[in-house]
Structure formats: structure tokens, C-alpha cells
Amino acid sequence: MTGKQLRHFEHRLLRERERALRAFRRIDEGVRIEPIHDDGDLTSYPVHMADAGTDTMEQEKDFLLLSKEGRLIYWIDEALLTIYQHPKDYGRCPDCGAQIAPERLDIIPWAKLCLECQRTDEKRQAQEVGEAA
């Protein structure tokens, strides 16, 4: 991979990292740790069961999104670290040693595996989930 290509992917990763961090912050600011006790109703129940269920579902969704964005930031940081510390290894599949297609890296600059190895890995994971069920 040429120096120009590495710089291109570095800039792509940095832009994606900034986008993911903004999303992470936005979600994190909206997460409520404790349920709301004042829902505005004039009933004798402090929190209606349906409201508590909705709040819990929203919290779980927010935590899931935080987890997803956190993993993405981790993968991006790993790719950037590879570019900075071992530039010859960036864009090379660790499973088969093949160069990952630049088109794939342009779409997913934090990709670790080539397309063939990614498909094999996903099939293996699907089989493991099927066997566990």
C-alpha cells in the first residue's frame, strides 16, 4: 500500500472516529440511569407500569447503541494504531495474508479481514449460534 493510500485511509478513519464520538456523546447525554418518578399524571401511582416498561426499553436501546458505537471507536482506534505502528500490516488480512481490496477499505476502513475470510468467519459464527440454540 502506498503512502498516499495510507494517508487517505487515515483521514477516513479519523473522520469516522469523530462521527462515532459525536454519536456516542449524543446517546450518552440522553441516557437516563434512574427512572423518572414524575410522569405528569394525576393518578395515585407514582409511575405507571407501562411508563416504567417504556423507560426500561429506551434505556436498553440506548445502552445497546452506546455499546455499538463504543465497539466501532475501538475498531477504528485499532486500525489507526496499525497505520501508525505497523503501516505494512494495514489492509492485510491476518487470516490468509491477502491484501484487503481498497474498495472494501474505502467503505469499511477499520476492516480486518478480506471479504472471503469475513464470509467464512460469519458462517462459522452463525453455525456456533445455531449449535448453541
N, C-alpha and C. Protein backbone atom coordinates (compact mmCIF):
# COMPACT_ATOMS: atom_id res chain seq x y z
N MET A 1 0.85 -1.17 0.00
CA MET A 1 0.00 0.00 0.00
C MET A 1 0.90 1.24 0.00
N THR A 2 0.55 2.21 -0.81
CA THR A 2 1.37 3.41 -0.93
C THR A 2 1.12 4.37 0.23
N GLY A 3 2.05 5.29 0.40
CA GLY A 3 1.90 6.30 1.44
C GLY A 3 0.66 7.16 1.23
N LYS A 4 0.36 7.45 -0.04
CA LYS A 4 -0.83 8.25 -0.36
C LYS A 4 -2.10 7.51 0.05
N GLN A 5 -2.15 6.19 -0.21
CA GLN A 5 -3.31 5.39 0.18
C GLN A 5 -3.45 5.34 1.70
N LEU A 6 -2.32 5.17 2.40
CA LEU A 6 -2.36 5.14 3.86
C LEU A 6 -2.90 6.44 4.43
N ARG A 7 -2.45 7.57 3.88
CA ARG A 7 -2.94 8.87 4.34
C ARG A 7 -4.44 9.01 4.08
N HIS A 8 -4.88 8.52 2.91
CA HIS A 8 -6.31 8.57 2.58
C HIS A 8 -7.12 7.78 3.63
N PHE A 9 -6.67 6.56 3.93
CA PHE A 9 -7.40 5.73 4.89
C PHE A 9 -7.29 6.29 6.31
N GLU A 10 -6.16 6.88 6.63
CA GLU A 10 -6.01 7.53 7.94
C GLU A 10 -7.05 8.64 8.09
N HIS A 11 -7.19 9.48 7.06
CA HIS A 11 -8.17 10.57 7.10
C HIS A 11 -9.60 10.03 7.18
N ARG A 12 -9.88 8.95 6.44
CA ARG A 12 -11.21 8.33 6.50
C ARG A 12 -11.49 7.82 7.92
N LEU A 13 -10.49 7.17 8.52
CA LEU A 13 -10.66 6.65 9.87
C LEU A 13 -10.87 7.78 10.88
N LEU A 14 -10.11 8.84 10.74
CA LEU A 14 -10.25 9.97 11.67
C LEU A 14 -11.62 10.62 11.55
N ARG A 15 -12.13 10.74 10.31
CA ARG A 15 -13.48 11.30 10.12
C ARG A 15 -14.54 10.38 10.73
N GLU A 16 -14.40 9.09 10.50
CA GLU A 16 -15.35 8.13 11.07
C GLU A 16 -15.28 8.11 12.59
N ARG A 17 -14.08 8.25 13.13
CA ARG A 17 -13.91 8.28 14.58
C ARG A 17 -14.62 9.48 15.18
N GLU A 18 -14.47 10.64 14.55
CA GLU A 18 -15.12 11.86 15.03
C GLU A 18 -16.64 11.71 14.96
N ARG A 19 -17.15 11.14 13.87
CA ARG A 19 -18.59 10.92 13.73
C ARG A 19 -19.09 9.98 14.82
N ALA A 20 -18.36 8.89 15.06
CA ALA A 20 -18.76 7.92 16.09
C ALA A 20 -18.70 8.54 17.49
N LEU A 21 -17.70 9.36 17.75
CA LEU A 21 -17.61 10.03 19.05
C LEU A 21 -18.77 10.99 19.26
N ARG A 22 -19.14 11.73 18.21
CA ARG A 22 -20.30 12.64 18.32
C ARG A 22 -21.56 11.85 18.62
N ALA A 23 -21.76 10.73 17.92
CA ALA A 23 -22.93 9.89 18.15
C ALA A 23 -22.90 9.32 19.57
N PHE A 24 -21.74 8.87 20.00
CA PHE A 24 -21.59 8.32 21.35
C PHE A 24 -21.97 9.36 22.40
N ARG A 25 -21.45 10.58 22.24
CA ARG A 25 -21.75 11.66 23.20
C ARG A 25 -23.24 11.99 23.21
N ARG A 26 -23.84 12.06 22.01
CA ARG A 26 -25.25 12.40 21.90
C ARG A 26 -26.11 11.33 22.60
N ILE A 27 -25.79 10.07 22.38
CA ILE A 27 -26.54 8.99 23.02
C ILE A 27 -26.29 9.01 24.52
N ASP A 28 -25.04 9.19 24.92
CA ASP A 28 -24.67 9.18 26.33
C ASP A 28 -25.38 10.29 27.11
N GLU A 29 -25.53 11.45 26.49
CA GLU A 29 -26.21 12.55 27.16
C GLU A 29 -27.69 12.26 27.35
N GLY A 30 -28.27 11.46 26.48
CA GLY A 30 -29.68 11.15 26.56
C GLY A 30 -30.03 9.98 27.45
N VAL A 31 -29.02 9.23 27.89
CA VAL A 31 -29.27 8.04 28.71
C VAL A 31 -29.66 8.47 30.12
N ARG A 32 -30.79 7.92 30.58
CA ARG A 32 -31.23 8.16 31.95
C ARG A 32 -30.92 6.92 32.77
N ILE A 33 -30.16 7.08 33.81
CA ILE A 33 -29.80 5.94 34.65
C ILE A 33 -30.97 5.55 35.56
N GLU A 34 -31.65 6.54 36.12
CA GLU A 34 -32.74 6.24 37.03
C GLU A 34 -34.06 6.56 36.36
N PRO A 35 -35.09 5.76 36.64
CA PRO A 35 -36.38 6.02 36.02
C PRO A 35 -36.97 7.34 36.51
N ILE A 36 -37.77 7.94 35.67
CA ILE A 36 -38.43 9.19 36.03
C ILE A 36 -39.59 8.84 36.96
N HIS A 37 -39.70 9.55 38.07
CA HIS A 37 -40.77 9.28 39.02
C HIS A 37 -41.94 10.23 38.85
N ASP A 38 -41.76 11.31 38.17
CA ASP A 38 -42.85 12.24 37.96
C ASP A 38 -43.20 12.24 36.48
N ASP A 39 -44.25 11.48 36.14
CA ASP A 39 -44.63 11.38 34.74
C ASP A 39 -45.70 12.39 34.34
N GLY A 40 -46.12 13.22 35.28
CA GLY A 40 -47.10 14.25 34.98
C GLY A 40 -48.53 13.80 35.14
N ASP A 41 -48.75 12.52 35.40
CA ASP A 41 -50.12 12.03 35.61
C ASP A 41 -50.61 12.45 36.98
N LEU A 42 -51.91 12.57 37.10
CA LEU A 42 -52.51 12.95 38.38
C LEU A 42 -53.12 11.74 39.07
N THR A 43 -52.52 10.56 38.84
CA THR A 43 -53.03 9.34 39.47
C THR A 43 -52.32 9.12 40.79
N SER A 44 -52.80 8.12 41.52
CA SER A 44 -52.17 7.82 42.80
C SER A 44 -50.90 6.98 42.63
N TYR A 45 -50.66 6.45 41.40
CA TYR A 45 -49.45 5.68 41.14
C TYR A 45 -48.33 6.64 40.78
N PRO A 46 -47.18 6.53 41.45
CA PRO A 46 -46.07 7.43 41.12
C PRO A 46 -45.55 7.20 39.70
N VAL A 47 -45.50 5.93 39.27
CA VAL A 47 -45.06 5.60 37.91
C VAL A 47 -45.95 4.49 37.42
N HIS A 48 -46.57 4.69 36.29
CA HIS A 48 -47.41 3.65 35.72
C HIS A 48 -46.51 2.54 35.20
N MET A 49 -46.96 1.30 35.29
CA MET A 49 -46.15 0.16 34.88
C MET A 49 -45.76 0.25 33.40
N ALA A 50 -46.66 0.72 32.57
CA ALA A 50 -46.35 0.85 31.14
C ALA A 50 -45.25 1.89 30.91
N ASP A 51 -45.31 2.98 31.67
CA ASP A 51 -44.27 4.01 31.55
C ASP A 51 -42.92 3.47 32.00
N ALA A 52 -42.92 2.71 33.09
CA ALA A 52 -41.67 2.13 33.58
C ALA A 52 -41.11 1.15 32.54
N GLY A 53 -41.99 0.37 31.92
CA GLY A 53 -41.54 -0.57 30.89
C GLY A 53 -40.96 0.15 29.69
N THR A 54 -41.61 1.24 29.28
CA THR A 54 -41.11 2.03 28.16
C THR A 54 -39.75 2.65 28.51
N ASP A 55 -39.63 3.19 29.72
CA ASP A 55 -38.35 3.76 30.15
C ASP A 55 -37.24 2.72 30.13
N THR A 56 -37.55 1.52 30.62
CA THR A 56 -36.56 0.44 30.64
C THR A 56 -36.16 0.05 29.23
N MET A 57 -37.14 -0.05 28.33
CA MET A 57 -36.84 -0.41 26.95
C MET A 57 -35.97 0.67 26.29
N GLU A 58 -36.27 1.93 26.55
CA GLU A 58 -35.47 3.03 25.99
C GLU A 58 -34.04 2.99 26.54
N GLN A 59 -33.89 2.70 27.84
CA GLN A 59 -32.56 2.58 28.43
C GLN A 59 -31.77 1.46 27.77
N GLU A 60 -32.39 0.33 27.59
CA GLU A 60 -31.71 -0.81 26.97
C GLU A 60 -31.29 -0.48 25.55
N LYS A 61 -32.15 0.20 24.81
CA LYS A 61 -31.83 0.59 23.44
C LYS A 61 -30.64 1.56 23.45
N ASP A 62 -30.65 2.53 24.38
CA ASP A 62 -29.54 3.48 24.46
C ASP A 62 -28.24 2.79 24.82
N PHE A 63 -28.30 1.85 25.77
CA PHE A 63 -27.08 1.12 26.14
C PHE A 63 -26.56 0.28 24.99
N LEU A 64 -27.47 -0.31 24.21
CA LEU A 64 -27.07 -1.09 23.05
C LEU A 64 -26.38 -0.18 22.02
N LEU A 65 -26.96 0.99 21.78
CA LEU A 65 -26.34 1.93 20.84
C LEU A 65 -24.98 2.42 21.34
N LEU A 66 -24.89 2.68 22.65
CA LEU A 66 -23.59 3.07 23.22
C LEU A 66 -22.56 1.97 23.03
N SER A 67 -22.98 0.73 23.25
CA SER A 67 -22.08 -0.40 23.08
C SER A 67 -21.62 -0.51 21.64
N LYS A 68 -22.55 -0.34 20.71
CA LYS A 68 -22.22 -0.44 19.28
C LYS A 68 -21.23 0.66 18.88
N GLU A 69 -21.50 1.89 19.28
CA GLU A 69 -20.60 2.99 18.93
C GLU A 69 -19.25 2.82 19.63
N GLY A 70 -19.27 2.31 20.87
CA GLY A 70 -18.02 2.06 21.59
C GLY A 70 -17.15 1.03 20.89
N ARG A 71 -17.78 -0.05 20.40
CA ARG A 71 -17.03 -1.07 19.65
C ARG A 71 -16.46 -0.48 18.37
N LEU A 72 -17.25 0.35 17.69
CA LEU A 72 -16.78 0.96 16.45
C LEU A 72 -15.56 1.85 16.72
N ILE A 73 -15.61 2.64 17.77
CA ILE A 73 -14.48 3.50 18.13
C ILE A 73 -13.25 2.64 18.44
N TYR A 74 -13.45 1.53 19.14
CA TYR A 74 -12.36 0.62 19.44
C TYR A 74 -11.73 0.07 18.16
N TRP A 75 -12.56 -0.37 17.20
CA TRP A 75 -12.05 -0.92 15.94
C TRP A 75 -11.31 0.14 15.14
N ILE A 76 -11.85 1.35 15.13
CA ILE A 76 -11.19 2.45 14.41
C ILE A 76 -9.84 2.75 15.05
N ASP A 77 -9.81 2.80 16.38
CA ASP A 77 -8.54 3.06 17.07
C ASP A 77 -7.51 1.97 16.78
N GLU A 78 -7.96 0.71 16.71
CA GLU A 78 -7.05 -0.38 16.37
C GLU A 78 -6.47 -0.19 14.96
N ALA A 79 -7.32 0.20 14.02
CA ALA A 79 -6.86 0.41 12.64
C ALA A 79 -5.88 1.58 12.58
N LEU A 80 -6.17 2.66 13.29
CA LEU A 80 -5.26 3.80 13.31
C LEU A 80 -3.92 3.41 13.94
N LEU A 81 -3.97 2.64 15.01
CA LEU A 81 -2.74 2.18 15.65
C LEU A 81 -1.90 1.34 14.69
N THR A 82 -2.55 0.51 13.90
CA THR A 82 -1.84 -0.29 12.91
C THR A 82 -1.17 0.61 11.88
N ILE A 83 -1.90 1.61 11.41
CA ILE A 83 -1.33 2.55 10.43
C ILE A 83 -0.11 3.24 11.02
N TYR A 84 -0.20 3.66 12.27
CA TYR A 84 0.90 4.42 12.89
C TYR A 84 2.08 3.54 13.29
N GLN A 85 1.81 2.33 13.78
CA GLN A 85 2.89 1.49 14.29
C GLN A 85 3.39 0.44 13.30
N HIS A 86 2.50 -0.10 12.50
CA HIS A 86 2.86 -1.16 11.55
C HIS A 86 2.18 -0.90 10.21
N PRO A 87 2.55 0.16 9.51
CA PRO A 87 1.84 0.54 8.28
C PRO A 87 1.81 -0.56 7.22
N LYS A 88 2.80 -1.42 7.20
CA LYS A 88 2.80 -2.50 6.19
C LYS A 88 1.72 -3.54 6.47
N ASP A 89 1.25 -3.61 7.70
CA ASP A 89 0.21 -4.58 8.07
C ASP A 89 -1.20 -4.06 7.82
N TYR A 90 -1.36 -2.72 7.68
CA TYR A 90 -2.70 -2.18 7.47
C TYR A 90 -3.21 -2.63 6.10
N GLY A 91 -4.44 -3.12 6.08
CA GLY A 91 -5.04 -3.56 4.83
C GLY A 91 -4.66 -4.97 4.42
N ARG A 92 -3.99 -5.68 5.31
CA ARG A 92 -3.61 -7.06 5.02
C ARG A 92 -4.39 -7.97 5.96
N CYS A 93 -5.03 -8.98 5.37
CA CYS A 93 -5.84 -9.93 6.14
C CYS A 93 -4.94 -10.81 7.00
N PRO A 94 -5.16 -10.84 8.32
CA PRO A 94 -4.31 -11.67 9.18
C PRO A 94 -4.57 -13.17 9.01
N ASP A 95 -5.73 -13.54 8.48
CA ASP A 95 -6.06 -14.96 8.33
C ASP A 95 -5.36 -15.59 7.12
N CYS A 96 -5.43 -14.91 5.96
CA CYS A 96 -4.87 -15.51 4.74
C CYS A 96 -3.67 -14.72 4.19
N GLY A 97 -3.42 -13.54 4.72
CA GLY A 97 -2.28 -12.74 4.27
C GLY A 97 -2.53 -11.93 3.02
N ALA A 98 -3.72 -12.04 2.44
CA ALA A 98 -4.04 -11.30 1.21
C ALA A 98 -4.28 -9.82 1.52
N GLN A 99 -4.05 -9.00 0.52
CA GLN A 99 -4.34 -7.57 0.65
C GLN A 99 -5.86 -7.38 0.58
N ILE A 100 -6.41 -6.64 1.52
CA ILE A 100 -7.84 -6.34 1.50
C ILE A 100 -8.09 -5.34 0.38
N ALA A 101 -9.13 -5.57 -0.38
CA ALA A 101 -9.43 -4.71 -1.53
C ALA A 101 -9.59 -3.26 -1.09
N PRO A 102 -8.95 -2.32 -1.80
CA PRO A 102 -9.09 -0.90 -1.45
C PRO A 102 -10.54 -0.43 -1.43
N GLU A 103 -11.38 -1.02 -2.28
CA GLU A 103 -12.80 -0.65 -2.28
C GLU A 103 -13.47 -1.03 -0.96
N ARG A 104 -13.09 -2.18 -0.43
CA ARG A 104 -13.62 -2.60 0.87
C ARG A 104 -13.13 -1.67 1.97
N LEU A 105 -11.85 -1.33 1.94
CA LEU A 105 -11.30 -0.43 2.96
C LEU A 105 -11.88 0.97 2.84
N ASP A 106 -12.24 1.37 1.64
CA ASP A 106 -12.83 2.70 1.48
C ASP A 106 -14.21 2.75 2.13
N ILE A 107 -14.92 1.63 2.09
CA ILE A 107 -16.25 1.56 2.71
C ILE A 107 -16.13 1.30 4.21
N ILE A 108 -15.25 0.36 4.58
CA ILE A 108 -15.05 -0.02 5.98
C ILE A 108 -13.55 0.06 6.27
N PRO A 109 -13.03 1.27 6.53
CA PRO A 109 -11.58 1.41 6.70
C PRO A 109 -11.02 0.69 7.92
N TRP A 110 -11.87 0.25 8.84
CA TRP A 110 -11.39 -0.50 10.01
C TRP A 110 -11.48 -2.01 9.78
N ALA A 111 -11.82 -2.44 8.56
CA ALA A 111 -11.95 -3.87 8.26
C ALA A 111 -10.63 -4.58 8.53
N LYS A 112 -10.71 -5.73 9.19
CA LYS A 112 -9.52 -6.52 9.49
C LYS A 112 -9.34 -7.66 8.51
N LEU A 113 -10.47 -8.20 8.02
CA LEU A 113 -10.42 -9.39 7.19
C LEU A 113 -10.78 -9.07 5.75
N CYS A 114 -10.21 -9.85 4.82
CA CYS A 114 -10.62 -9.73 3.43
C CYS A 114 -12.05 -10.27 3.32
N LEU A 115 -12.68 -10.05 2.20
CA LEU A 115 -14.08 -10.42 2.04
C LEU A 115 -14.29 -11.92 2.21
N GLU A 116 -13.42 -12.75 1.62
CA GLU A 116 -13.56 -14.20 1.73
C GLU A 116 -13.45 -14.66 3.18
N CYS A 117 -12.44 -14.18 3.89
CA CYS A 117 -12.25 -14.58 5.29
C CYS A 117 -13.38 -14.05 6.16
N GLN A 118 -13.90 -12.86 5.85
CA GLN A 118 -15.04 -12.31 6.58
C GLN A 118 -16.26 -13.20 6.42
N ARG A 119 -16.52 -13.64 5.20
CA ARG A 119 -17.65 -14.54 4.95
C ARG A 119 -17.49 -15.86 5.70
N THR A 120 -16.28 -16.40 5.68
CA THR A 120 -16.01 -17.65 6.40
C THR A 120 -16.24 -17.47 7.88
N ASP A 121 -15.77 -16.35 8.43
CA ASP A 121 -15.92 -16.05 9.85
C ASP A 121 -17.39 -15.90 10.22
N GLU A 122 -18.16 -15.22 9.39
CA GLU A 122 -19.58 -15.04 9.66
C GLU A 122 -20.34 -16.36 9.60
N LYS A 123 -19.98 -17.24 8.67
CA LYS A 123 -20.61 -18.56 8.59
C LYS A 123 -20.30 -19.37 9.84
N ARG A 124 -19.04 -19.31 10.28
CA ARG A 124 -18.64 -20.03 11.49
C ARG A 124 -19.42 -19.52 12.70
N GLN A 125 -19.55 -18.20 12.83
CA GLN A 125 -20.29 -17.63 13.95
C GLN A 125 -21.77 -18.03 13.90
N ALA A 126 -22.36 -18.04 12.70
CA ALA A 126 -23.76 -18.43 12.55
C ALA A 126 -23.95 -19.89 12.95
N GLN A 127 -22.99 -20.75 12.59
CA GLN A 127 -23.07 -22.16 12.97
C GLN A 127 -22.97 -22.33 14.49
N GLU A 128 -22.09 -21.56 15.10
CA GLU A 128 -21.93 -21.64 16.56
C GLU A 128 -23.21 -21.21 17.27
N VAL A 129 -23.85 -20.17 16.75
CA VAL A 129 -25.11 -19.70 17.35
C VAL A 129 -26.18 -20.75 17.14
N GLY A 130 -26.21 -21.37 15.96
CA GLY A 130 -27.20 -22.42 15.68
C GLY A 130 -27.01 -23.64 16.55
N GLU A 131 -25.76 -23.98 16.81
CA GLU A 131 -25.48 -25.14 17.67
C GLU A 131 -25.82 -24.85 19.13
N ALA A 132 -25.69 -23.60 19.54
CA ALA A 132 -25.98 -23.24 20.93
C ALA A 132 -27.48 -23.19 21.19
N ALA A 133 -28.27 -23.01 20.14
CA ALA A 133 -29.72 -22.89 20.32
C ALA A 133 -30.40 -24.20 20.54
